[in-house]
Amino acid sequence: MSQRLLKVALFSLVSSLLLLMITLPLIAMLYLSGIQYHSRWQVILFIFIIAAIDLIAECVGKMVVEGFTYLCSWNSRISLIFRYILDFFLTLFITHYIDEWYPGIILSNVGEITFSILILIFTAVLEMNTNDKKEA
């Protein structure tokens, strides 16, 4: 019985730490962009809503970029620039829409743009790290 209780406690502790490690950088980005909120749980829910919708937008964005690359015979550099521009505007649109819809969070227009730029930089750094690990 105590082994099972210990496993459950350890699992809940590890899952809570993982959740904190995932959301902490995003909360820091929102703090830098000037967020106003009523509770921390609303910020976490706000982040998860943005992440869920952004995941769908990321898939659609990749299909659009691949389609334009194929149809217009773009090289990889133009394709990468187009993908980052599209990703920025999709993140900005999603952030603005969720900010207007969700009552517990208030972001200014400058905050939305700052948050979108920070998300773009965060995504680019993560992609560079995964590409470096694939090459090694």
N, C-alpha and C. Protein backbone atom coordinates (compact mmCIF):
# COMPACT_ATOMS: atom_id res chain seq x y z
N MET A 1 0.82 -1.20 0.00
CA MET A 1 0.00 0.00 0.00
C MET A 1 0.86 1.26 0.00
N SER A 2 1.93 1.28 0.80
CA SER A 2 2.76 2.47 0.86
C SER A 2 3.58 2.63 -0.43
N GLN A 3 3.91 1.53 -1.10
CA GLN A 3 4.60 1.62 -2.38
C GLN A 3 3.72 2.30 -3.42
N ARG A 4 2.46 1.93 -3.44
CA ARG A 4 1.52 2.52 -4.40
C ARG A 4 1.31 4.01 -4.09
N LEU A 5 1.18 4.34 -2.83
CA LEU A 5 1.01 5.74 -2.44
C LEU A 5 2.24 6.56 -2.81
N LEU A 6 3.41 5.97 -2.64
CA LEU A 6 4.65 6.64 -3.00
C LEU A 6 4.73 6.86 -4.51
N LYS A 7 4.31 5.87 -5.30
CA LYS A 7 4.32 6.01 -6.75
C LYS A 7 3.36 7.10 -7.22
N VAL A 8 2.18 7.15 -6.62
CA VAL A 8 1.20 8.16 -6.99
C VAL A 8 1.71 9.55 -6.63
N ALA A 9 2.31 9.68 -5.45
CA ALA A 9 2.84 10.97 -5.02
C ALA A 9 4.00 11.41 -5.92
N LEU A 10 4.87 10.46 -6.27
CA LEU A 10 5.99 10.77 -7.15
C LEU A 10 5.51 11.16 -8.54
N PHE A 11 4.51 10.45 -9.06
CA PHE A 11 3.96 10.77 -10.38
C PHE A 11 3.34 12.16 -10.39
N SER A 12 2.58 12.49 -9.36
CA SER A 12 1.94 13.81 -9.32
C SER A 12 2.99 14.92 -9.16
N LEU A 13 4.04 14.66 -8.41
CA LEU A 13 5.10 15.64 -8.26
C LEU A 13 5.84 15.87 -9.57
N VAL A 14 6.17 14.78 -10.27
CA VAL A 14 6.89 14.90 -11.53
C VAL A 14 6.02 15.57 -12.59
N SER A 15 4.74 15.21 -12.66
CA SER A 15 3.87 15.83 -13.66
C SER A 15 3.66 17.31 -13.36
N SER A 16 3.58 17.68 -12.08
CA SER A 16 3.47 19.10 -11.74
C SER A 16 4.72 19.87 -12.11
N LEU A 17 5.89 19.27 -11.90
CA LEU A 17 7.14 19.92 -12.28
C LEU A 17 7.26 20.07 -13.79
N LEU A 18 6.84 19.06 -14.54
CA LEU A 18 6.86 19.16 -15.99
C LEU A 18 5.92 20.25 -16.49
N LEU A 19 4.74 20.32 -15.90
CA LEU A 19 3.79 21.37 -16.27
C LEU A 19 4.37 22.75 -15.98
N LEU A 20 5.04 22.89 -14.85
CA LEU A 20 5.67 24.15 -14.49
C LEU A 20 6.80 24.50 -15.45
N MET A 21 7.60 23.50 -15.84
CA MET A 21 8.71 23.75 -16.75
C MET A 21 8.23 24.16 -18.13
N ILE A 22 7.08 23.65 -18.54
CA ILE A 22 6.55 24.00 -19.85
C ILE A 22 5.93 25.39 -19.82
N THR A 23 5.16 25.69 -18.79
CA THR A 23 4.42 26.96 -18.77
C THR A 23 5.24 28.15 -18.26
N LEU A 24 6.29 27.90 -17.50
CA LEU A 24 7.05 29.01 -16.93
C LEU A 24 7.66 29.94 -17.98
N PRO A 25 8.30 29.43 -19.06
CA PRO A 25 8.81 30.37 -20.07
C PRO A 25 7.70 31.16 -20.76
N LEU A 26 6.55 30.53 -20.99
CA LEU A 26 5.45 31.24 -21.63
C LEU A 26 4.86 32.30 -20.71
N ILE A 27 4.78 32.00 -19.43
CA ILE A 27 4.29 33.00 -18.48
C ILE A 27 5.28 34.17 -18.40
N ALA A 28 6.58 33.86 -18.46
CA ALA A 28 7.58 34.93 -18.46
C ALA A 28 7.45 35.81 -19.70
N MET A 29 7.16 35.19 -20.85
CA MET A 29 6.97 35.98 -22.07
C MET A 29 5.74 36.87 -21.95
N LEU A 30 4.69 36.34 -21.37
CA LEU A 30 3.49 37.16 -21.18
C LEU A 30 3.75 38.30 -20.20
N TYR A 31 4.52 38.03 -19.15
CA TYR A 31 4.85 39.08 -18.19
C TYR A 31 5.65 40.20 -18.85
N LEU A 32 6.59 39.82 -19.73
CA LEU A 32 7.38 40.83 -20.43
C LEU A 32 6.53 41.64 -21.40
N SER A 33 5.45 41.05 -21.89
CA SER A 33 4.61 41.77 -22.84
C SER A 33 3.53 42.61 -22.16
N GLY A 34 3.51 42.66 -20.85
CA GLY A 34 2.60 43.55 -20.13
C GLY A 34 1.20 43.00 -19.94
N ILE A 35 1.09 41.79 -19.45
CA ILE A 35 -0.21 41.16 -19.26
C ILE A 35 -0.85 41.64 -17.95
N GLN A 36 -2.16 41.71 -17.96
CA GLN A 36 -2.94 41.96 -16.74
C GLN A 36 -3.91 40.81 -16.60
N TYR A 37 -3.94 40.20 -15.44
CA TYR A 37 -4.78 39.02 -15.25
C TYR A 37 -5.35 38.99 -13.85
N HIS A 38 -6.37 38.13 -13.66
CA HIS A 38 -7.03 38.03 -12.37
C HIS A 38 -6.46 36.91 -11.51
N SER A 39 -6.03 35.81 -12.11
CA SER A 39 -5.41 34.72 -11.34
C SER A 39 -4.41 34.00 -12.22
N ARG A 40 -3.52 33.26 -11.59
CA ARG A 40 -2.50 32.52 -12.33
C ARG A 40 -3.10 31.40 -13.16
N TRP A 41 -4.17 30.82 -12.66
CA TRP A 41 -4.83 29.73 -13.38
C TRP A 41 -5.43 30.23 -14.69
N GLN A 42 -5.88 31.46 -14.72
CA GLN A 42 -6.38 32.01 -15.97
C GLN A 42 -5.26 32.21 -16.98
N VAL A 43 -4.07 32.55 -16.50
CA VAL A 43 -2.93 32.69 -17.39
C VAL A 43 -2.55 31.33 -17.97
N ILE A 44 -2.54 30.31 -17.12
CA ILE A 44 -2.20 28.96 -17.59
C ILE A 44 -3.24 28.47 -18.59
N LEU A 45 -4.51 28.69 -18.31
CA LEU A 45 -5.56 28.31 -19.25
C LEU A 45 -5.44 29.09 -20.55
N PHE A 46 -5.12 30.37 -20.45
CA PHE A 46 -4.90 31.22 -21.63
C PHE A 46 -3.79 30.66 -22.50
N ILE A 47 -2.70 30.23 -21.87
CA ILE A 47 -1.56 29.66 -22.60
C ILE A 47 -1.95 28.35 -23.27
N PHE A 48 -2.69 27.51 -22.56
CA PHE A 48 -3.09 26.23 -23.15
C PHE A 48 -4.06 26.42 -24.31
N ILE A 49 -4.95 27.39 -24.21
CA ILE A 49 -5.86 27.67 -25.33
C ILE A 49 -5.07 28.15 -26.54
N ILE A 50 -4.12 29.06 -26.31
CA ILE A 50 -3.30 29.55 -27.41
C ILE A 50 -2.48 28.41 -28.01
N ALA A 51 -1.91 27.55 -27.16
CA ALA A 51 -1.09 26.43 -27.66
C ALA A 51 -1.93 25.46 -28.48
N ALA A 52 -3.14 25.16 -28.04
CA ALA A 52 -3.99 24.22 -28.77
C ALA A 52 -4.38 24.78 -30.14
N ILE A 53 -4.78 26.03 -30.18
CA ILE A 53 -5.17 26.63 -31.46
C ILE A 53 -3.94 26.85 -32.34
N ASP A 54 -2.82 27.21 -31.73
CA ASP A 54 -1.60 27.44 -32.50
C ASP A 54 -1.07 26.15 -33.10
N LEU A 55 -1.32 25.02 -32.46
CA LEU A 55 -0.90 23.74 -33.01
C LEU A 55 -1.63 23.46 -34.32
N ILE A 56 -2.91 23.74 -34.35
CA ILE A 56 -3.69 23.57 -35.59
C ILE A 56 -3.21 24.56 -36.65
N ALA A 57 -2.99 25.81 -36.23
CA ALA A 57 -2.52 26.83 -37.18
C ALA A 57 -1.13 26.49 -37.71
N GLU A 58 -0.30 25.88 -36.88
CA GLU A 58 1.04 25.48 -37.32
C GLU A 58 0.96 24.43 -38.43
N CYS A 59 0.06 23.47 -38.28
CA CYS A 59 -0.11 22.44 -39.32
C CYS A 59 -0.62 23.06 -40.62
N VAL A 60 -1.60 23.94 -40.52
CA VAL A 60 -2.13 24.60 -41.71
C VAL A 60 -1.05 25.49 -42.34
N GLY A 61 -0.28 26.19 -41.51
CA GLY A 61 0.79 27.05 -42.00
C GLY A 61 1.86 26.27 -42.74
N LYS A 62 2.22 25.10 -42.23
CA LYS A 62 3.23 24.28 -42.91
C LYS A 62 2.71 23.80 -44.27
N MET A 63 1.42 23.45 -44.33
CA MET A 63 0.85 23.03 -45.61
C MET A 63 0.85 24.20 -46.60
N VAL A 64 0.53 25.40 -46.13
CA VAL A 64 0.52 26.57 -47.01
C VAL A 64 1.92 26.86 -47.52
N VAL A 65 2.90 26.81 -46.64
CA VAL A 65 4.28 27.09 -47.05
C VAL A 65 4.77 26.04 -48.04
N GLU A 66 4.48 24.77 -47.78
CA GLU A 66 4.90 23.72 -48.71
C GLU A 66 4.22 23.90 -50.06
N GLY A 67 2.94 24.28 -50.05
CA GLY A 67 2.23 24.51 -51.30
C GLY A 67 2.82 25.65 -52.10
N PHE A 68 3.09 26.78 -51.43
CA PHE A 68 3.69 27.91 -52.13
C PHE A 68 5.10 27.59 -52.61
N THR A 69 5.85 26.84 -51.81
CA THR A 69 7.20 26.46 -52.21
C THR A 69 7.16 25.61 -53.47
N TYR A 70 6.21 24.69 -53.52
CA TYR A 70 6.11 23.83 -54.69
C TYR A 70 5.59 24.60 -55.91
N LEU A 71 4.53 25.40 -55.72
CA LEU A 71 3.92 26.10 -56.85
C LEU A 71 4.80 27.21 -57.41
N CYS A 72 5.49 27.93 -56.53
CA CYS A 72 6.28 29.08 -56.97
C CYS A 72 7.76 28.77 -57.15
N SER A 73 8.16 27.53 -56.89
CA SER A 73 9.56 27.08 -57.01
C SER A 73 10.50 27.97 -56.19
N TRP A 74 10.13 28.19 -54.93
CA TRP A 74 10.96 28.99 -54.04
C TRP A 74 12.13 28.17 -53.54
N ASN A 75 13.25 28.86 -53.28
CA ASN A 75 14.35 28.17 -52.64
C ASN A 75 14.09 28.10 -51.13
N SER A 76 14.95 27.44 -50.41
CA SER A 76 14.70 27.20 -48.98
C SER A 76 14.75 28.49 -48.16
N ARG A 77 15.54 29.46 -48.59
CA ARG A 77 15.66 30.71 -47.84
C ARG A 77 14.36 31.52 -47.90
N ILE A 78 13.79 31.66 -49.09
CA ILE A 78 12.53 32.39 -49.24
C ILE A 78 11.41 31.65 -48.52
N SER A 79 11.44 30.33 -48.62
CA SER A 79 10.43 29.52 -47.94
C SER A 79 10.49 29.70 -46.43
N LEU A 80 11.70 29.76 -45.87
CA LEU A 80 11.88 29.95 -44.44
C LEU A 80 11.39 31.33 -44.00
N ILE A 81 11.73 32.36 -44.77
CA ILE A 81 11.27 33.72 -44.46
C ILE A 81 9.76 33.80 -44.51
N PHE A 82 9.15 33.22 -45.54
CA PHE A 82 7.70 33.22 -45.65
C PHE A 82 7.05 32.47 -44.48
N ARG A 83 7.67 31.36 -44.08
CA ARG A 83 7.12 30.59 -42.97
C ARG A 83 7.16 31.37 -41.67
N TYR A 84 8.25 32.08 -41.41
CA TYR A 84 8.34 32.88 -40.18
C TYR A 84 7.36 34.05 -40.20
N ILE A 85 7.20 34.69 -41.35
CA ILE A 85 6.22 35.79 -41.45
C ILE A 85 4.82 35.26 -41.23
N LEU A 86 4.49 34.14 -41.86
CA LEU A 86 3.17 33.54 -41.69
C LEU A 86 2.95 33.10 -40.25
N ASP A 87 3.97 32.52 -39.63
CA ASP A 87 3.87 32.08 -38.24
C ASP A 87 3.65 33.27 -37.30
N PHE A 88 4.34 34.38 -37.57
CA PHE A 88 4.17 35.58 -36.75
C PHE A 88 2.73 36.09 -36.82
N PHE A 89 2.22 36.22 -38.04
CA PHE A 89 0.87 36.77 -38.19
C PHE A 89 -0.21 35.80 -37.69
N LEU A 90 0.01 34.50 -37.84
CA LEU A 90 -0.95 33.55 -37.28
C LEU A 90 -0.96 33.62 -35.76
N THR A 91 0.22 33.69 -35.15
CA THR A 91 0.30 33.81 -33.69
C THR A 91 -0.31 35.13 -33.22
N LEU A 92 -0.07 36.19 -33.94
CA LEU A 92 -0.65 37.48 -33.59
C LEU A 92 -2.17 37.43 -33.69
N PHE A 93 -2.69 36.85 -34.74
CA PHE A 93 -4.14 36.73 -34.91
C PHE A 93 -4.75 35.88 -33.81
N ILE A 94 -4.12 34.76 -33.50
CA ILE A 94 -4.65 33.87 -32.45
C ILE A 94 -4.60 34.56 -31.09
N THR A 95 -3.48 35.21 -30.79
CA THR A 95 -3.36 35.91 -29.52
C THR A 95 -4.38 37.02 -29.39
N HIS A 96 -4.58 37.78 -30.46
CA HIS A 96 -5.56 38.87 -30.43
C HIS A 96 -6.97 38.32 -30.26
N TYR A 97 -7.30 37.27 -30.98
CA TYR A 97 -8.65 36.70 -30.90
C TYR A 97 -8.92 36.12 -29.51
N ILE A 98 -7.96 35.38 -28.96
CA ILE A 98 -8.15 34.80 -27.63
C ILE A 98 -8.18 35.90 -26.57
N ASP A 99 -7.37 36.95 -26.73
CA ASP A 99 -7.37 38.06 -25.79
C ASP A 99 -8.73 38.76 -25.76
N GLU A 100 -9.34 38.92 -26.92
CA GLU A 100 -10.66 39.56 -26.97
C GLU A 100 -11.76 38.65 -26.42
N TRP A 101 -11.60 37.36 -26.64
CA TRP A 101 -12.64 36.40 -26.24
C TRP A 101 -12.57 36.03 -24.76
N TYR A 102 -11.37 35.91 -24.22
CA TYR A 102 -11.16 35.40 -22.86
C TYR A 102 -11.23 36.56 -21.87
N PRO A 103 -12.16 36.55 -20.91
CA PRO A 103 -12.38 37.74 -20.07
C PRO A 103 -11.34 37.97 -18.97
N GLY A 104 -10.58 36.94 -18.56
CA GLY A 104 -9.68 37.11 -17.42
C GLY A 104 -8.32 37.66 -17.75
N ILE A 105 -8.02 37.86 -19.03
CA ILE A 105 -6.71 38.30 -19.47
C ILE A 105 -6.85 39.59 -20.27
N ILE A 106 -5.95 40.53 -20.01
CA ILE A 106 -5.94 41.77 -20.77
C ILE A 106 -4.52 42.00 -21.28
N LEU A 107 -4.39 42.05 -22.60
CA LEU A 107 -3.12 42.37 -23.24
C LEU A 107 -3.32 43.60 -24.12
N SER A 108 -2.37 44.50 -24.09
CA SER A 108 -2.46 45.66 -24.98
C SER A 108 -2.04 45.21 -26.39
N ASN A 109 -2.26 46.07 -27.35
CA ASN A 109 -1.86 45.75 -28.73
C ASN A 109 -0.35 45.57 -28.84
N VAL A 110 0.40 46.43 -28.15
CA VAL A 110 1.85 46.29 -28.13
C VAL A 110 2.24 44.99 -27.43
N GLY A 111 1.51 44.62 -26.39
CA GLY A 111 1.76 43.36 -25.69
C GLY A 111 1.51 42.16 -26.58
N GLU A 112 0.47 42.22 -27.40
CA GLU A 112 0.19 41.12 -28.32
C GLU A 112 1.31 40.97 -29.36
N ILE A 113 1.78 42.09 -29.88
CA ILE A 113 2.87 42.05 -30.86
C ILE A 113 4.14 41.54 -30.20
N THR A 114 4.43 42.03 -28.99
CA THR A 114 5.62 41.57 -28.26
C THR A 114 5.54 40.08 -27.97
N PHE A 115 4.38 39.61 -27.54
CA PHE A 115 4.20 38.19 -27.26
C PHE A 115 4.38 37.35 -28.52
N SER A 116 3.88 37.83 -29.65
CA SER A 116 4.03 37.09 -30.90
C SER A 116 5.49 37.04 -31.34
N ILE A 117 6.21 38.13 -31.16
CA ILE A 117 7.64 38.14 -31.50
C ILE A 117 8.41 37.19 -30.58
N LEU A 118 8.10 37.21 -29.29
CA LEU A 118 8.78 36.32 -28.36
C LEU A 118 8.48 34.86 -28.65
N ILE A 119 7.24 34.55 -29.01
CA ILE A 119 6.90 33.17 -29.38
C ILE A 119 7.64 32.76 -30.64
N LEU A 120 7.76 33.67 -31.61
CA LEU A 120 8.49 33.38 -32.84
C LEU A 120 9.96 33.10 -32.54
N ILE A 121 10.58 33.90 -31.70
CA ILE A 121 11.98 33.68 -31.33
C ILE A 121 12.13 32.37 -30.57
N PHE A 122 11.22 32.10 -29.64
CA PHE A 122 11.25 30.87 -28.85
C PHE A 122 11.13 29.65 -29.77
N THR A 123 10.24 29.71 -30.74
CA THR A 123 10.06 28.61 -31.68
C THR A 123 11.29 28.43 -32.55
N ALA A 124 11.87 29.52 -33.02
CA ALA A 124 13.06 29.43 -33.87
C ALA A 124 14.24 28.83 -33.12
N VAL A 125 14.41 29.22 -31.87
CA VAL A 125 15.51 28.66 -31.06
C VAL A 125 15.29 27.16 -30.83
N LEU A 126 14.06 26.76 -30.54
CA LEU A 126 13.78 25.34 -30.35
C LEU A 126 14.02 24.55 -31.63
N GLU A 127 13.64 25.10 -32.77
CA GLU A 127 13.87 24.43 -34.05
C GLU A 127 15.36 24.31 -34.35
N MET A 128 16.14 25.34 -34.03
CA MET A 128 17.58 25.26 -34.26
C MET A 128 18.20 24.19 -33.37
N ASN A 129 17.74 24.09 -32.12
CA ASN A 129 18.27 23.07 -31.22
C ASN A 129 17.92 21.67 -31.70
N THR A 130 16.70 21.46 -32.18
CA THR A 130 16.33 20.13 -32.67
C THR A 130 17.05 19.79 -33.96
N ASN A 131 17.30 20.78 -34.82
CA ASN A 131 18.06 20.53 -36.05
C ASN A 131 19.51 20.18 -35.75
N ASP A 132 20.11 20.84 -34.74
CA ASP A 132 21.48 20.53 -34.35
C ASP A 132 21.57 19.12 -33.78
N LYS A 133 20.56 18.68 -33.04
CA LYS A 133 20.59 17.31 -32.48
C LYS A 133 20.38 16.28 -33.56
N LYS A 134 19.58 16.60 -34.60
CA LYS A 134 19.38 15.65 -35.70
C LYS A 134 20.64 15.47 -36.51
N GLU A 135 21.43 16.54 -36.69
CA GLU A 135 22.66 16.45 -37.49
C GLU A 135 23.75 15.71 -36.74
N ALA A 136 23.73 15.73 -35.42
CA ALA A 136 24.80 15.08 -34.64
C ALA A 136 24.64 13.60 -34.56
